[in-house]
Amino acid sequence: MTEYTSAEITVAGQKLYLDGNSKITRENGSYASPAPNALSLPHVSSCPGATPTCARTCYVHGLRDAAPEIWTKYAENRRAVEVLAESWAGIGELADWIRVNCQGGFRWHVSGDVFSEGYAEWLTSVSNASQVPCWLYTRSLHWVPRLARAAGLVVNVSCDRDNYEAAKEIALCHGLRLCYLSLGEVPADLPSGAVIFPDYQIRAKTRKGEAWWQGLAPERRRQVCPADFFGQSATRRCGPCAKCLT
C-alpha cells in the first residue's frame, strides 16, 4: 500500500505544497513513513507534450481518489510557480529547503510537466542551487535542450507508442535516458539504457496471475522499473534503485 505525505512551505510570498510517497521517497524518511521530496502540478493540463496514451492512462487519475487532499493542491502549485518563474523569485529559498529536507533526492513533478520556457529556466536554477540529486521525467521535448544543460538535474525523456520516434531522437541527441510507458509492447530498437514503465492496466493483470513481462526477453525484463515489476516494497523503490537517477 502506497503511503502519501505532504508539507506546506512559503517561498517568496507564495505557498508551495511539497508531496511525496513511499515509492519515490529515496533516503528522505522511510518506506513506511516517507518525507516530502517532490513538487507537482495538475496532470495533463500542465503537460504540453502529453500524448493520447499518457493522458488516457496517467496514474494521477487514480491519485484523485487515493489522496484527494494532495491532488487538489497541485492547481495552487501551478499558480504559485507561474508567479515565481515570471518574477525570477524564490530560487534560493526553495533550493535551501530542498538541501535541508531532501538530501536523498528531489523529484520534479509526480504530476505535471515543464509547461513553459520560463518555468524550465526557473526549475533548473533551483536544481543547480540545491546541491542535491534532482530528477524529472518529461514529454516537453521543446525544452529538453535547456533542461539537459542543468548540471544539477537528471533529465529522463518520457515516451510511449505515440511520441517514441521524436523522443528517441532528442534523447539520443543529448545523451539522455528514455523512459518508455508500455501497454504491453516494447519497441524493438529501444536503447539498452532505457527504463520500461508498465501501465497500471497490465500490472493489474500480473496481480491476477497473468504476468505481462513473461513475454519479454531477459534483457528487456532487466529494463523494467523494479518497483513496478516486483510491486512496491522497502527494497523496491526510488532509493535502492537508481535506474533513473544517474
C-alpha atoms as a PDB file:
ATOM      1  CA  MET A   1       0.000   0.000   0.000  1.00  0.00           C
ATOM      2  CA  THR A   2       1.386   3.378  -1.018  1.00  0.00           C
ATOM      3  CA  GLU A   3       1.903   5.894   1.761  1.00  0.00           C
ATOM      4  CA  TYR A   4       1.495   9.592   0.898  1.00  0.00           C
ATOM      5  CA  THR A   5       2.848  12.698   2.593  1.00  0.00           C
ATOM      6  CA  SER A   6       2.921  16.469   2.078  1.00  0.00           C
ATOM      7  CA  ALA A   7       4.219  19.711   3.559  1.00  0.00           C
ATOM      8  CA  GLU A   8       3.335  23.370   3.039  1.00  0.00           C
ATOM      9  CA  ILE A   9       6.109  25.958   2.721  1.00  0.00           C
ATOM     10  CA  THR A  10       6.224  29.639   1.758  1.00  0.00           C
ATOM     11  CA  VAL A  11       8.703  30.776  -0.888  1.00  0.00           C
ATOM     12  CA  ALA A  12       8.987  34.455  -1.802  1.00  0.00           C
ATOM     13  CA  GLY A  13       5.477  35.017  -0.509  1.00  0.00           C
ATOM     14  CA  GLN A  14       3.993  32.085  -2.448  1.00  0.00           C
ATOM     15  CA  LYS A  15       2.669  28.913  -0.824  1.00  0.00           C
ATOM     16  CA  LEU A  16       4.007  25.681  -2.246  1.00  0.00           C
ATOM     17  CA  TYR A  17       2.841  22.185  -1.379  1.00  0.00           C
ATOM     18  CA  LEU A  18       5.573  19.581  -1.476  1.00  0.00           C
ATOM     19  CA  ASP A  19       4.442  15.986  -1.651  1.00  0.00           C
ATOM     20  CA  GLY A  20       5.898  12.507  -1.719  1.00  0.00           C
ATOM     21  CA  ASN A  21       5.105   8.841  -1.370  1.00  0.00           C
ATOM     22  CA  SER A  22       6.666   5.558  -0.365  1.00  0.00           C
ATOM     23  CA  LYS A  23       7.856   4.793  -3.900  1.00  0.00           C
ATOM     24  CA  ILE A  24       9.867   7.974  -4.550  1.00  0.00           C
ATOM     25  CA  THR A  25      10.989   8.767  -1.005  1.00  0.00           C
ATOM     26  CA  ARG A  26      14.616   7.624  -1.554  1.00  0.00           C
ATOM     27  CA  GLU A  27      16.550   8.281   1.675  1.00  0.00           C
ATOM     28  CA  ASN A  28      14.117  11.016   2.701  1.00  0.00           C
ATOM     29  CA  GLY A  29      12.256   9.310   5.529  1.00  0.00           C
ATOM     30  CA  SER A  30      11.437   5.623   5.167  1.00  0.00           C
ATOM     31  CA  TYR A  31       9.181   3.412   3.096  1.00  0.00           C
ATOM     32  CA  ALA A  32       6.610   3.288   5.903  1.00  0.00           C
ATOM     33  CA  SER A  33       6.994   6.988   6.729  1.00  0.00           C
ATOM     34  CA  PRO A  34       8.133   8.897   3.622  1.00  0.00           C
ATOM     35  CA  ALA A  35       9.157  12.542   3.717  1.00  0.00           C
ATOM     36  CA  PRO A  36       8.004  15.104   1.121  1.00  0.00           C
ATOM     37  CA  ASN A  37      10.513  15.358  -1.734  1.00  0.00           C
ATOM     38  CA  ALA A  38       8.575  16.457  -4.818  1.00  0.00           C
ATOM     39  CA  LEU A  39       6.788  19.428  -6.326  1.00  0.00           C
ATOM     40  CA  SER A  40       3.802  18.560  -8.511  1.00  0.00           C
ATOM     41  CA  LEU A  41       1.372  20.325 -10.828  1.00  0.00           C
ATOM     42  CA  PRO A  42      -2.012  19.444 -12.340  1.00  0.00           C
ATOM     43  CA  HIS A  43      -1.777  16.445 -14.642  1.00  0.00           C
ATOM     44  CA  VAL A  44      -2.496  16.726 -18.385  1.00  0.00           C
ATOM     45  CA  SER A  45      -3.331  20.462 -18.277  1.00  0.00           C
ATOM     46  CA  SER A  46       0.275  21.204 -17.183  1.00  0.00           C
ATOM     47  CA  CYS A  47       1.703  18.727 -19.710  1.00  0.00           C
ATOM     48  CA  PRO A  48       2.064  20.408 -23.128  1.00  0.00           C
ATOM     49  CA  GLY A  49       3.701  17.281 -24.536  1.00  0.00           C
ATOM     50  CA  ALA A  50       1.027  14.890 -23.289  1.00  0.00           C
ATOM     51  CA  THR A  51       0.176  12.143 -25.777  1.00  0.00           C
ATOM     52  CA  PRO A  52      -3.194  10.411 -26.164  1.00  0.00           C
ATOM     53  CA  THR A  53      -1.724   7.334 -24.478  1.00  0.00           C
ATOM     54  CA  CYS A  54      -0.277   9.054 -21.405  1.00  0.00           C
ATOM     55  CA  ALA A  55      -3.291  11.370 -20.998  1.00  0.00           C
ATOM     56  CA  ARG A  56      -5.629   8.382 -21.008  1.00  0.00           C
ATOM     57  CA  THR A  57      -3.583   6.120 -18.716  1.00  0.00           C
ATOM     58  CA  CYS A  58      -1.990   8.718 -16.382  1.00  0.00           C
ATOM     59  CA  TYR A  59      -1.654   7.311 -12.856  1.00  0.00           C
ATOM     60  CA  VAL A  60      -2.624  10.689 -11.407  1.00  0.00           C
ATOM     61  CA  HIS A  61      -6.234   9.963 -12.379  1.00  0.00           C
ATOM     62  CA  GLY A  62      -6.138   7.443  -9.534  1.00  0.00           C
ATOM     63  CA  LEU A  63      -4.420   9.854  -7.154  1.00  0.00           C
ATOM     64  CA  ARG A  64      -7.586  11.931  -7.085  1.00  0.00           C
ATOM     65  CA  ASP A  65      -9.230   9.044  -5.245  1.00  0.00           C
ATOM     66  CA  ALA A  66      -6.213   7.789  -3.262  1.00  0.00           C
ATOM     67  CA  ALA A  67      -5.010  11.146  -1.907  1.00  0.00           C
ATOM     68  CA  PRO A  68      -7.502  13.906  -2.876  1.00  0.00           C
ATOM     69  CA  GLU A  69      -6.166  16.310  -0.238  1.00  0.00           C
ATOM     70  CA  ILE A  70      -2.795  16.288  -2.037  1.00  0.00           C
ATOM     71  CA  TRP A  71      -4.179  16.250  -5.576  1.00  0.00           C
ATOM     72  CA  THR A  72      -6.238  19.421  -5.031  1.00  0.00           C
ATOM     73  CA  LYS A  73      -3.090  21.352  -4.079  1.00  0.00           C
ATOM     74  CA  TYR A  74      -1.477  20.848  -7.493  1.00  0.00           C
ATOM     75  CA  ALA A  75      -3.522  23.653  -9.069  1.00  0.00           C
ATOM     76  CA  GLU A  76      -2.330  26.011  -6.326  1.00  0.00           C
ATOM     77  CA  ASN A  77       1.260  24.995  -7.065  1.00  0.00           C
ATOM     78  CA  ARG A  78       0.763  25.824 -10.743  1.00  0.00           C
ATOM     79  CA  ARG A  79      -0.393  29.350  -9.926  1.00  0.00           C
ATOM     80  CA  ALA A  80       2.468  29.838  -7.460  1.00  0.00           C
ATOM     81  CA  VAL A  81       5.273  28.671  -9.744  1.00  0.00           C
ATOM     82  CA  GLU A  82       3.968  30.803 -12.601  1.00  0.00           C
ATOM     83  CA  VAL A  83       4.384  33.856 -10.342  1.00  0.00           C
ATOM     84  CA  LEU A  84       7.793  32.734  -9.101  1.00  0.00           C
ATOM     85  CA  ALA A  85       9.126  31.925 -12.562  1.00  0.00           C
ATOM     86  CA  GLU A  86       7.854  35.184 -14.067  1.00  0.00           C
ATOM     87  CA  SER A  87       9.447  37.264 -11.311  1.00  0.00           C
ATOM     88  CA  TRP A  88      12.541  35.045 -11.053  1.00  0.00           C
ATOM     89  CA  ALA A  89      11.927  34.725  -7.319  1.00  0.00           C
ATOM     90  CA  GLY A  90      12.278  32.102  -4.608  1.00  0.00           C
ATOM     91  CA  ILE A  91      15.134  30.183  -6.219  1.00  0.00           C
ATOM     92  CA  GLY A  92      17.461  30.360  -3.246  1.00  0.00           C
ATOM     93  CA  GLU A  93      14.704  29.791  -0.685  1.00  0.00           C
ATOM     94  CA  LEU A  94      13.365  26.655  -2.350  1.00  0.00           C
ATOM     95  CA  ALA A  95      16.876  25.360  -3.027  1.00  0.00           C
ATOM     96  CA  ASP A  96      17.741  25.808   0.653  1.00  0.00           C
ATOM     97  CA  TRP A  97      14.615  23.891   1.726  1.00  0.00           C
ATOM     98  CA  ILE A  98      15.445  21.050  -0.661  1.00  0.00           C
ATOM     99  CA  ARG A  99      19.045  20.904   0.558  1.00  0.00           C
ATOM    100  CA  VAL A 100      17.953  20.643   4.212  1.00  0.00           C
ATOM    101  CA  ASN A 101      14.961  18.330   3.789  1.00  0.00           C
ATOM    102  CA  CYS A 102      15.641  16.238   0.678  1.00  0.00           C
ATOM    103  CA  GLN A 103      19.270  15.202   0.847  1.00  0.00           C
ATOM    104  CA  GLY A 104      18.373  11.818  -0.623  1.00  0.00           C
ATOM    105  CA  GLY A 105      16.969  13.418  -3.778  1.00  0.00           C
ATOM    106  CA  PHE A 106      14.200  15.697  -5.070  1.00  0.00           C
ATOM    107  CA  ARG A 107      11.779  14.888  -7.876  1.00  0.00           C
ATOM    108  CA  TRP A 108      10.062  17.454 -10.042  1.00  0.00           C
ATOM    109  CA  HIS A 109       6.515  16.504 -10.998  1.00  0.00           C
ATOM    110  CA  VAL A 110       4.991  13.354  -9.632  1.00  0.00           C
ATOM    111  CA  SER A 111       2.155  15.023 -11.526  1.00  0.00           C
ATOM    112  CA  GLY A 112       2.528  17.592 -14.308  1.00  0.00           C
ATOM    113  CA  ASP A 113       5.453  18.610 -16.517  1.00  0.00           C
ATOM    114  CA  VAL A 114       7.516  21.551 -17.728  1.00  0.00           C
ATOM    115  CA  PHE A 115       4.897  23.893 -19.189  1.00  0.00           C
ATOM    116  CA  SER A 116       6.952  26.903 -20.349  1.00  0.00           C
ATOM    117  CA  GLU A 117      10.475  28.037 -21.130  1.00  0.00           C
ATOM    118  CA  GLY A 118      10.483  30.424 -18.173  1.00  0.00           C
ATOM    119  CA  TYR A 119       9.493  27.633 -15.814  1.00  0.00           C
ATOM    120  CA  ALA A 120      12.203  25.408 -17.309  1.00  0.00           C
ATOM    121  CA  GLU A 121      14.795  28.094 -16.557  1.00  0.00           C
ATOM    122  CA  TRP A 122      13.478  28.577 -13.027  1.00  0.00           C
ATOM    123  CA  LEU A 123      13.388  24.925 -12.019  1.00  0.00           C
ATOM    124  CA  THR A 124      16.840  24.203 -13.452  1.00  0.00           C
ATOM    125  CA  SER A 125      18.194  27.126 -11.417  1.00  0.00           C
ATOM    126  CA  VAL A 126      16.583  25.716  -8.270  1.00  0.00           C
ATOM    127  CA  SER A 127      18.014  22.271  -9.028  1.00  0.00           C
ATOM    128  CA  ASN A 128      21.524  23.600  -9.576  1.00  0.00           C
ATOM    129  CA  ALA A 129      21.425  25.677  -6.382  1.00  0.00           C
ATOM    130  CA  SER A 130      20.046  22.853  -4.213  1.00  0.00           C
ATOM    131  CA  GLN A 131      23.226  20.757  -4.413  1.00  0.00           C
ATOM    132  CA  VAL A 132      21.229  17.512  -4.020  1.00  0.00           C
ATOM    133  CA  PRO A 133      20.254  14.969  -6.713  1.00  0.00           C
ATOM    134  CA  CYS A 134      17.204  16.239  -8.609  1.00  0.00           C
ATOM    135  CA  TRP A 135      15.386  14.369 -11.356  1.00  0.00           C
ATOM    136  CA  LEU A 136      12.373  14.600 -13.628  1.00  0.00           C
ATOM    137  CA  TYR A 137      10.574  12.822 -16.451  1.00  0.00           C
ATOM    138  CA  THR A 138       9.385  14.982 -19.322  1.00  0.00           C
ATOM    139  CA  ARG A 139       7.466  14.843 -22.570  1.00  0.00           C
ATOM    140  CA  SER A 140       8.050  18.586 -23.072  1.00  0.00           C
ATOM    141  CA  LEU A 141      10.521  17.879 -25.859  1.00  0.00           C
ATOM    142  CA  HIS A 142      10.860  21.555 -26.895  1.00  0.00           C
ATOM    143  CA  TRP A 143      12.581  22.368 -23.618  1.00  0.00           C
ATOM    144  CA  VAL A 144      14.753  19.267 -23.312  1.00  0.00           C
ATOM    145  CA  PRO A 145      17.857  21.066 -24.710  1.00  0.00           C
ATOM    146  CA  ARG A 146      17.589  23.695 -21.959  1.00  0.00           C
ATOM    147  CA  LEU A 147      16.882  21.145 -19.231  1.00  0.00           C
ATOM    148  CA  ALA A 148      19.781  18.957 -20.349  1.00  0.00           C
ATOM    149  CA  ARG A 149      22.284  21.770 -19.689  1.00  0.00           C
ATOM    150  CA  ALA A 150      21.485  21.796 -15.962  1.00  0.00           C
ATOM    151  CA  ALA A 151      24.337  20.202 -14.031  1.00  0.00           C
ATOM    152  CA  GLY A 152      22.114  19.572 -11.002  1.00  0.00           C
ATOM    153  CA  LEU A 153      19.253  17.836 -12.811  1.00  0.00           C
ATOM    154  CA  VAL A 154      18.874  14.326 -14.241  1.00  0.00           C
ATOM    155  CA  VAL A 155      16.523  14.501 -17.234  1.00  0.00           C
ATOM    156  CA  ASN A 156      14.579  11.430 -18.345  1.00  0.00           C
ATOM    157  CA  VAL A 157      12.738  11.723 -21.663  1.00  0.00           C
ATOM    158  CA  SER A 158       9.318  10.090 -21.310  1.00  0.00           C
ATOM    159  CA  CYS A 159       7.725   8.381 -24.261  1.00  0.00           C
ATOM    160  CA  ASP A 160       5.151   5.870 -25.391  1.00  0.00           C
ATOM    161  CA  ARG A 161       3.899   4.494 -28.698  1.00  0.00           C
ATOM    162  CA  ASP A 162       2.630   7.947 -29.731  1.00  0.00           C
ATOM    163  CA  ASN A 163       5.820  10.020 -29.435  1.00  0.00           C
ATOM    164  CA  TYR A 164       8.516   7.352 -29.449  1.00  0.00           C
ATOM    165  CA  GLU A 165      10.433   8.372 -32.569  1.00  0.00           C
ATOM    166  CA  ALA A 166      10.605  12.070 -31.669  1.00  0.00           C
ATOM    167  CA  ALA A 167      11.530  11.320 -28.054  1.00  0.00           C
ATOM    168  CA  LYS A 168      14.206   8.829 -29.085  1.00  0.00           C
ATOM    169  CA  GLU A 169      15.766  11.331 -31.483  1.00  0.00           C
ATOM    170  CA  ILE A 170      16.071  14.108 -28.913  1.00  0.00           C
ATOM    171  CA  ALA A 171      17.213  11.755 -26.144  1.00  0.00           C
ATOM    172  CA  LEU A 172      19.986  10.331 -28.297  1.00  0.00           C
ATOM    173  CA  CYS A 173      20.970  13.821 -29.455  1.00  0.00           C
ATOM    174  CA  HIS A 174      21.514  14.985 -25.857  1.00  0.00           C
ATOM    175  CA  GLY A 175      22.721  11.706 -24.348  1.00  0.00           C
ATOM    176  CA  LEU A 176      19.632  11.276 -22.172  1.00  0.00           C
ATOM    177  CA  ARG A 177      17.711   8.246 -20.967  1.00  0.00           C
ATOM    178  CA  LEU A 178      14.399   7.190 -22.491  1.00  0.00           C
ATOM    179  CA  CYS A 179      11.611   6.064 -20.155  1.00  0.00           C
ATOM    180  CA  TYR A 180       9.010   4.066 -22.084  1.00  0.00           C
ATOM    181  CA  LEU A 181       5.388   3.734 -20.938  1.00  0.00           C
ATOM    182  CA  SER A 182       4.313   0.307 -22.150  1.00  0.00           C
ATOM    183  CA  LEU A 183       0.804  -1.003 -22.652  1.00  0.00           C
ATOM    184  CA  GLY A 184       2.373  -4.414 -23.230  1.00  0.00           C
ATOM    185  CA  GLU A 185       4.523  -3.597 -26.260  1.00  0.00           C
ATOM    186  CA  VAL A 186       8.213  -2.652 -26.302  1.00  0.00           C
ATOM    187  CA  PRO A 187       9.893  -1.132 -29.401  1.00  0.00           C
ATOM    188  CA  ALA A 188      12.427  -3.459 -30.968  1.00  0.00           C
ATOM    189  CA  ASP A 189      15.012  -0.658 -31.088  1.00  0.00           C
ATOM    190  CA  LEU A 190      14.519   0.627 -27.533  1.00  0.00           C
ATOM    191  CA  PRO A 191      18.018   1.719 -26.383  1.00  0.00           C
ATOM    192  CA  SER A 192      19.711  -0.516 -23.840  1.00  0.00           C
ATOM    193  CA  GLY A 193      19.845   2.232 -21.204  1.00  0.00           C
ATOM    194  CA  ALA A 194      16.099   2.905 -21.340  1.00  0.00           C
ATOM    195  CA  VAL A 195      13.699   2.137 -18.490  1.00  0.00           C
ATOM    196  CA  ILE A 196      10.333   0.485 -19.132  1.00  0.00           C
ATOM    197  CA  PHE A 197       7.321   1.535 -17.071  1.00  0.00           C
ATOM    198  CA  PRO A 198       4.336  -0.813 -17.441  1.00  0.00           C
ATOM    199  CA  ASP A 199       0.927   0.822 -17.415  1.00  0.00           C
ATOM    200  CA  TYR A 200      -1.228   0.078 -14.367  1.00  0.00           C
ATOM    201  CA  GLN A 201      -3.642  -1.931 -16.522  1.00  0.00           C
ATOM    202  CA  ILE A 202      -1.070  -4.580 -17.379  1.00  0.00           C
ATOM    203  CA  ARG A 203       0.355  -4.572 -13.850  1.00  0.00           C
ATOM    204  CA  ALA A 204      -3.138  -5.452 -12.630  1.00  0.00           C
ATOM    205  CA  LYS A 205      -3.063  -8.493 -14.906  1.00  0.00           C
ATOM    206  CA  THR A 206       0.186  -9.534 -13.244  1.00  0.00           C
ATOM    207  CA  ARG A 207      -1.513  -9.460  -9.850  1.00  0.00           C
ATOM    208  CA  LYS A 208      -4.201 -11.740 -11.252  1.00  0.00           C
ATOM    209  CA  GLY A 209      -1.607 -14.248 -12.359  1.00  0.00           C
ATOM    210  CA  GLU A 210      -1.207 -13.147 -15.984  1.00  0.00           C
ATOM    211  CA  ALA A 211       2.364 -11.889 -15.901  1.00  0.00           C
ATOM    212  CA  TRP A 212       2.704  -9.461 -18.828  1.00  0.00           C
ATOM    213  CA  TRP A 213       6.520  -9.459 -18.603  1.00  0.00           C
ATOM    214  CA  GLN A 214       6.833 -13.185 -19.278  1.00  0.00           C
ATOM    215  CA  GLY A 215       6.805 -12.392 -22.972  1.00  0.00           C
ATOM    216  CA  LEU A 216       9.821 -10.085 -22.668  1.00  0.00           C
ATOM    217  CA  ALA A 217      13.349 -11.147 -23.478  1.00  0.00           C
ATOM    218  CA  PRO A 218      15.644 -11.304 -20.410  1.00  0.00           C
ATOM    219  CA  GLU A 219      17.470  -8.087 -21.345  1.00  0.00           C
ATOM    220  CA  ARG A 220      14.106  -6.285 -21.622  1.00  0.00           C
ATOM    221  CA  ARG A 221      12.955  -7.594 -18.242  1.00  0.00           C
ATOM    222  CA  ARG A 222      16.034  -6.039 -16.678  1.00  0.00           C
ATOM    223  CA  GLN A 223      14.963  -2.655 -18.081  1.00  0.00           C
ATOM    224  CA  VAL A 224      11.621  -2.651 -16.272  1.00  0.00           C
ATOM    225  CA  CYS A 225      11.263  -0.280 -13.305  1.00  0.00           C
ATOM    226  CA  PRO A 226      11.921  -2.571 -10.295  1.00  0.00           C
ATOM    227  CA  ALA A 227       9.139  -1.059  -8.179  1.00  0.00           C
ATOM    228  CA  ASP A 228       6.628  -1.619 -10.982  1.00  0.00           C
ATOM    229  CA  PHE A 229       7.985  -5.067 -11.836  1.00  0.00           C
ATOM    230  CA  PHE A 230       8.063  -6.559  -8.347  1.00  0.00           C
ATOM    231  CA  GLY A 231       5.484  -4.434  -6.573  1.00  0.00           C
ATOM    232  CA  GLN A 232       6.320  -1.744  -4.048  1.00  0.00           C
ATOM    233  CA  SER A 233       8.329  -2.727  -1.018  1.00  0.00           C
ATOM    234  CA  ALA A 234      11.030  -1.276   1.200  1.00  0.00           C
ATOM    235  CA  THR A 235      13.688  -2.642  -1.171  1.00  0.00           C
ATOM    236  CA  ARG A 236      11.978  -1.905  -4.494  1.00  0.00           C
ATOM    237  CA  ARG A 237      11.618   1.857  -4.797  1.00  0.00           C
ATOM    238  CA  CYS A 238      13.457   5.019  -5.857  1.00  0.00           C
ATOM    239  CA  GLY A 239      16.273   4.766  -3.354  1.00  0.00           C
ATOM    240  CA  PRO A 240      17.885   1.362  -3.547  1.00  0.00           C
ATOM    241  CA  CYS A 241      17.190   1.665  -7.292  1.00  0.00           C
ATOM    242  CA  ALA A 242      18.977   4.366  -9.287  1.00  0.00           C
ATOM    243  CA  LYS A 243      17.928   3.467 -12.830  1.00  0.00           C
ATOM    244  CA  CYS A 244      16.511   6.946 -13.459  1.00  0.00           C
ATOM    245  CA  LEU A 245      18.884   8.921 -11.267  1.00  0.00           C
ATOM    246  CA  THR A 246      22.275   8.615 -12.932  1.00  0.00           C
END
